[in-house]
Amino acid sequence: MESFLHEKMGPKSWEFLDGRAIRLFQPYFGGLVAGHVFTYETAKIGGTMKRILLRDERGAAALEFAIISVVLLMIVFGVIEFGILMFDKQVLTNASREGTRAGIVMRVPRLSDTDIEGIVEAHAQEYMVSFGTSSTLTTTVTPVEASRVGNLFGTELKVTVTYPFDFLVLSGFGLGPITLTAETRMLME
């Protein structure tokens, strides 16, 4: 192998260390410095010597990118989906606040539970990011409508809204639905 490389590349271009051919080059600052390291195995096929490259690093960057891109995409989609989760939680809180505010205002007759639930659902449908899923919004009004008759000044009205949040991408990795809950309490006028 030494004679083959010396014939093709010149005697000062190669040096051998532990069976490996080390290509030498001379940089501008002078002196011979070890450069590219190749490992070859020779084989006789049809009476001729043939070089077979054992270590080939072509495609290593593509493989490293393929491995890292999966992790990178998981982080990106995780940030996006948890951002949407926080946004939906804020929308639920605002919807609960809107329903409670409408329910405590003094009017005759006072709003029914159905009216308050309608206000909450209208606000949530207008602003919530749900990706078209059919998750249902549950609204609970306390005290119940039958007991909200007469002079209720200073009585507390509580509106609780729950919503099962489904992840779009991360659900495929075992993150199931998370129940978001918002509760607002105000005193009746």
Protein backbone atom coordinates (compact mmCIF):
# COMPACT_ATOMS: atom_id res chain seq x y z
CA MET A 1 0.00 0.00 0.00
CA GLU A 2 2.86 2.34 0.78
CA SER A 3 4.36 1.89 -2.64
CA PHE A 4 0.97 2.43 -4.30
CA LEU A 5 0.41 5.75 -2.49
CA HIS A 6 4.02 6.86 -3.05
CA GLU A 7 3.64 6.21 -6.79
CA LYS A 8 0.34 8.08 -7.10
CA MET A 9 0.84 10.98 -4.66
CA GLY A 10 4.59 11.28 -4.26
CA PRO A 11 6.80 10.03 -1.42
CA LYS A 12 6.43 13.12 0.79
CA SER A 13 2.63 13.27 0.66
CA TRP A 14 1.85 10.22 2.87
CA GLU A 15 3.02 8.80 6.15
CA PHE A 16 1.88 5.56 7.78
CA LEU A 17 0.98 5.17 11.43
CA ASP A 18 -0.54 1.95 12.84
CA GLY A 19 -1.75 0.79 9.44
CA ARG A 20 -3.43 4.12 8.67
CA ALA A 21 -2.41 6.37 5.82
CA ILE A 22 -2.11 9.96 6.98
CA ARG A 23 -2.06 12.58 4.26
CA LEU A 24 0.42 15.35 4.95
CA PHE A 25 0.19 18.92 3.75
CA GLN A 26 2.39 21.95 4.13
CA PRO A 27 0.54 25.06 5.35
CA TYR A 28 1.79 28.61 4.81
CA PHE A 29 3.50 28.85 8.19
CA GLY A 30 5.87 26.03 7.25
CA GLY A 31 6.48 22.46 8.38
CA LEU A 32 4.63 19.25 7.60
CA VAL A 33 1.41 18.85 9.56
CA ALA A 34 -0.86 15.80 9.62
CA GLY A 35 -4.02 16.41 7.63
CA HIS A 36 -6.73 14.05 6.45
CA VAL A 37 -6.69 10.54 7.96
CA PHE A 38 -7.80 7.69 5.74
CA THR A 39 -8.03 4.00 6.53
CA TYR A 40 -7.81 1.66 3.61
CA GLU A 41 -8.17 -2.05 3.14
CA THR A 42 -6.67 -3.56 0.04
CA ALA A 43 -8.25 -6.39 -1.85
CA LYS A 44 -7.14 -8.33 -4.92
CA ILE A 45 -9.92 -8.45 -7.48
CA GLY A 46 -9.01 -9.60 -10.96
CA GLY A 47 -5.32 -9.30 -10.23
CA THR A 48 -5.46 -5.58 -9.48
CA MET A 49 -5.20 -3.80 -6.18
CA LYS A 50 -8.30 -1.88 -5.23
CA ARG A 51 -8.70 0.64 -2.42
CA ILE A 52 -11.81 0.46 -0.26
CA LEU A 53 -12.52 3.37 2.01
CA LEU A 54 -13.54 2.09 5.46
CA ARG A 55 -14.35 5.39 7.13
CA ASP A 56 -16.59 7.66 5.11
CA GLU A 57 -18.06 10.70 6.84
CA ARG A 58 -20.31 11.83 4.00
CA GLY A 59 -23.89 12.29 5.20
CA ALA A 60 -22.93 12.69 8.87
CA ALA A 61 -24.28 16.24 8.99
CA ALA A 62 -27.59 15.16 7.47
CA LEU A 63 -27.92 12.37 10.03
CA GLU A 64 -27.10 14.71 12.91
CA PHE A 65 -29.66 17.22 11.62
CA ALA A 66 -32.32 14.50 11.34
CA ILE A 67 -31.77 13.52 14.98
CA ILE A 68 -31.64 17.08 16.29
CA SER A 69 -34.57 18.31 14.17
CA VAL A 70 -36.96 15.91 15.91
CA VAL A 71 -36.01 17.33 19.31
CA LEU A 72 -36.08 20.88 17.97
CA LEU A 73 -39.55 20.44 16.47
CA MET A 74 -40.83 18.92 19.73
CA ILE A 75 -39.59 21.97 21.62
CA VAL A 76 -41.11 24.39 19.08
CA PHE A 77 -44.51 22.65 19.05
CA GLY A 78 -44.41 22.36 22.84
CA VAL A 79 -43.89 26.10 23.20
CA ILE A 80 -46.67 26.84 20.69
CA GLU A 81 -49.17 24.46 22.26
CA PHE A 82 -48.48 25.52 25.84
CA GLY A 83 -48.84 29.14 24.66
CA ILE A 84 -52.26 28.28 23.24
CA LEU A 85 -53.12 26.51 26.51
CA MET A 86 -52.29 29.65 28.49
CA PHE A 87 -54.26 31.80 26.06
CA ASP A 88 -57.32 29.55 26.35
CA LYS A 89 -57.05 29.66 30.15
CA GLN A 90 -57.13 33.46 29.98
CA VAL A 91 -60.15 33.37 27.63
CA LEU A 92 -61.96 31.08 30.10
CA THR A 93 -61.19 33.47 32.95
CA ASN A 94 -62.53 36.41 30.93
CA ALA A 95 -65.64 34.44 29.88
CA SER A 96 -66.31 33.58 33.52
CA ARG A 97 -65.87 37.24 34.46
CA GLU A 98 -68.24 38.39 31.70
CA GLY A 99 -70.93 35.92 32.80
CA THR A 100 -70.57 36.87 36.46
CA ARG A 101 -70.67 40.59 35.71
CA ALA A 102 -73.86 40.18 33.64
CA GLY A 103 -75.42 38.08 36.42
CA ILE A 104 -74.80 40.53 39.29
CA VAL A 105 -76.16 43.66 37.61
CA MET A 106 -79.46 44.81 39.17
CA ARG A 107 -82.34 44.23 36.76
CA VAL A 108 -85.84 42.92 37.08
CA PRO A 109 -86.04 40.03 36.44
CA ARG A 110 -82.45 38.92 37.02
CA LEU A 111 -80.68 36.91 34.33
CA SER A 112 -81.37 33.18 34.34
CA ASP A 113 -78.68 30.51 34.49
CA THR A 114 -79.26 29.86 30.79
CA ASP A 115 -78.69 33.53 29.96
CA ILE A 116 -75.43 33.59 31.97
CA GLU A 117 -74.26 30.34 30.32
CA GLY A 118 -75.05 31.84 26.91
CA ILE A 119 -72.93 34.92 27.66
CA VAL A 120 -70.04 32.72 28.81
CA GLU A 121 -70.24 30.44 25.76
CA ALA A 122 -70.52 33.36 23.32
CA HIS A 123 -67.38 34.97 24.76
CA ALA A 124 -65.47 31.67 24.75
CA GLN A 125 -66.48 30.78 21.19
CA GLU A 126 -65.45 34.18 19.93
CA TYR A 127 -61.95 34.18 21.41
CA MET A 128 -60.91 30.60 22.25
CA VAL A 129 -58.42 28.71 20.06
CA SER A 130 -59.77 25.17 19.77
CA PHE A 131 -58.58 23.92 16.32
CA GLY A 132 -62.14 22.83 15.53
CA THR A 133 -62.35 20.20 18.27
CA SER A 134 -65.76 19.41 19.69
CA SER A 135 -64.81 19.84 23.36
CA THR A 136 -67.67 21.14 25.41
CA LEU A 137 -67.62 24.07 27.75
CA THR A 138 -69.33 23.48 31.10
CA THR A 139 -70.68 26.45 33.06
CA THR A 140 -71.97 26.24 36.65
CA VAL A 141 -73.78 29.16 38.31
CA THR A 142 -74.10 29.31 42.11
CA PRO A 143 -76.51 30.03 43.79
CA VAL A 144 -79.05 28.37 41.52
CA GLU A 145 -81.59 30.49 39.70
CA ALA A 146 -84.53 29.58 41.97
CA SER A 147 -82.84 31.12 45.01
CA ARG A 148 -81.90 34.38 43.21
CA VAL A 149 -85.25 36.11 43.76
CA GLY A 150 -85.95 39.35 45.60
CA ASN A 151 -83.43 41.67 47.24
CA LEU A 152 -80.05 39.92 46.93
CA PHE A 153 -77.79 42.95 47.49
CA GLY A 154 -74.41 41.75 48.76
CA THR A 155 -75.07 38.07 47.96
CA GLU A 156 -72.18 36.32 46.22
CA LEU A 157 -72.65 34.99 42.68
CA LYS A 158 -70.10 32.42 41.52
CA VAL A 159 -69.62 31.32 37.90
CA THR A 160 -67.33 28.33 37.27
CA VAL A 161 -66.29 27.39 33.73
CA THR A 162 -64.46 24.13 32.84
CA TYR A 163 -63.04 23.11 29.49
CA PRO A 164 -61.06 19.97 28.49
CA PHE A 165 -58.08 21.24 26.48
CA ASP A 166 -56.75 18.75 23.89
CA PHE A 167 -53.25 19.16 22.52
CA LEU A 168 -52.99 19.11 18.75
CA VAL A 169 -49.50 17.62 18.26
CA LEU A 170 -48.34 16.66 21.74
CA SER A 171 -51.35 14.38 22.32
CA GLY A 172 -49.57 11.85 20.12
CA PHE A 173 -46.79 11.73 22.72
CA GLY A 174 -49.00 10.85 25.68
CA LEU A 175 -50.16 14.28 26.81
CA GLY A 176 -53.87 13.79 27.30
CA PRO A 177 -56.55 16.39 27.74
CA ILE A 178 -56.01 18.92 30.52
CA THR A 179 -59.06 20.33 32.28
CA LEU A 180 -58.93 24.11 32.45
CA THR A 181 -61.05 25.73 35.14
CA ALA A 182 -61.89 29.39 35.73
CA GLU A 183 -63.97 30.71 38.62
CA THR A 184 -65.19 34.23 39.26
CA ARG A 185 -67.00 35.52 42.37
CA MET A 186 -68.74 38.87 42.61
CA LEU A 187 -71.31 40.44 44.94
CA MET A 188 -74.74 41.16 43.53
CA GLU A 189 -75.92 44.76 43.16
